[in-house]
Protein backbone atom coordinates (compact mmCIF):
# COMPACT_ATOMS: atom_id res chain seq x y z
CA MET A 1 -51.36 31.54 20.79
CA PHE A 2 -47.58 29.86 20.66
CA ARG A 3 -46.14 27.65 23.05
CA LYS A 4 -43.49 28.87 25.47
CA MET A 5 -40.02 27.84 24.35
CA ALA A 6 -38.93 24.53 26.61
CA ARG A 7 -35.58 25.74 26.96
CA TYR A 8 -36.54 29.38 27.09
CA ARG A 9 -33.01 30.81 28.43
CA GLN A 10 -31.77 30.14 25.00
CA GLN A 11 -34.43 32.22 23.06
CA ILE A 12 -32.77 34.75 21.30
CA ALA A 13 -34.03 38.64 21.18
CA GLU A 14 -36.42 39.88 18.52
CA GLU A 15 -33.62 42.25 17.27
CA GLU A 16 -31.26 39.46 17.16
CA CYS A 17 -33.88 37.49 14.87
CA ILE A 18 -34.23 40.37 12.55
CA GLU A 19 -30.56 40.69 12.24
CA ILE A 20 -30.46 36.82 11.04
CA LEU A 21 -33.71 37.30 8.84
CA LYS A 22 -31.64 40.25 7.10
CA LYS A 23 -28.47 38.75 6.88
CA GLU A 24 -29.27 35.23 5.90
CA PRO A 25 -30.99 34.39 2.21
CA ARG A 26 -32.09 30.80 2.84
CA GLY A 27 -34.51 29.09 4.89
CA VAL A 28 -36.98 26.37 5.38
CA LEU A 29 -40.80 26.62 4.24
CA SER A 30 -43.29 24.07 5.74
CA VAL A 31 -46.88 24.45 5.01
CA LEU A 32 -49.48 21.59 4.66
CA GLY A 33 -49.45 19.98 1.26
CA ASP A 34 -51.21 17.48 -0.56
CA ASP A 35 -53.82 15.91 1.83
CA ASP A 36 -52.40 17.87 4.39
CA TYR A 37 -49.30 15.87 4.27
CA PRO A 38 -46.33 18.18 5.75
CA TYR A 39 -44.15 19.78 3.21
CA GLY A 40 -40.95 21.54 3.70
CA LEU A 41 -38.79 23.03 0.99
CA PRO A 42 -35.70 24.90 1.08
CA ILE A 43 -36.50 28.75 -0.51
CA ASN A 44 -34.59 32.08 -1.00
CA GLN A 45 -36.14 34.89 1.41
CA CYS A 46 -35.65 38.48 2.20
CA TYR A 47 -36.85 40.34 5.22
CA CYS A 48 -37.80 44.13 4.39
CA GLU A 49 -36.99 46.42 7.18
CA GLU A 50 -39.83 48.69 5.77
CA ASP A 51 -42.70 46.86 6.19
CA GLY A 52 -41.44 44.11 8.67
CA LYS A 53 -42.50 41.02 6.22
CA LEU A 54 -40.83 38.27 4.64
CA TYR A 55 -40.70 37.61 0.97
CA PHE A 56 -40.49 34.84 -1.13
CA HIS A 57 -39.08 33.74 -4.17
CA SER A 58 -42.02 31.48 -6.13
CA GLY A 59 -43.28 30.76 -9.30
CA LYS A 60 -47.21 31.63 -9.89
CA LYS A 61 -48.23 27.73 -9.51
CA GLY A 62 -47.22 25.10 -8.32
CA HIS A 63 -47.29 22.53 -5.25
CA LYS A 64 -46.17 25.58 -2.77
CA ILE A 65 -48.44 27.77 -3.79
CA ASP A 66 -51.55 25.41 -3.85
CA ALA A 67 -50.37 24.76 -0.24
CA ILE A 68 -50.21 28.64 0.88
CA ASN A 69 -53.51 29.23 -0.63
CA ARG A 70 -55.29 25.83 1.12
CA HIS A 71 -54.29 27.02 4.70
CA ASP A 72 -53.53 29.60 6.32
CA LYS A 73 -50.42 28.66 8.48
CA ALA A 74 -46.95 27.83 7.73
CA SER A 75 -43.72 27.54 9.56
CA PHE A 76 -40.74 29.06 8.42
CA CYS A 77 -37.10 28.55 9.98
CA VAL A 78 -33.61 30.06 8.68
CA TYR A 79 -30.41 29.25 10.17
CA ASP A 80 -27.25 31.79 10.85
CA GLN A 81 -23.88 29.71 11.03
CA GLY A 82 -24.72 29.08 14.31
CA PHE A 83 -21.75 26.85 16.07
CA ARG A 84 -20.46 23.72 16.44
CA ARG A 85 -19.07 21.88 19.56
CA GLU A 86 -16.05 19.87 18.85
CA VAL A 87 -17.24 15.92 20.38
CA LEU A 88 -14.71 13.31 21.51
CA ARG A 89 -15.54 10.02 19.93
CA SER A 90 -15.65 8.76 23.15
CA GLU A 91 -18.59 11.25 24.21
CA LEU A 92 -20.55 9.99 21.23
CA ARG A 93 -20.25 6.10 22.06
CA ALA A 94 -21.31 6.92 25.63
CA ALA A 95 -24.75 8.85 24.28
């Protein structure tokens, strides 16, 4: 159903993924909006350890709810703090 990651060596373990979901409160939910146009929005989330589900903050009406009801597929991306490698200006010019 899902493609294997092209850079599979960078894939994190499921346990690490769950720790990130438990720690980080926000992410980007992407759905198909009006006229099946991609619609991504920053959203608060909560990972529930008891049932292993994500819960999102939302009102009962609106664009997001309409899109979720219209299509049963979505994507959610949450970021941890990550890391930044300092890049020299000479490296940027060469790229």
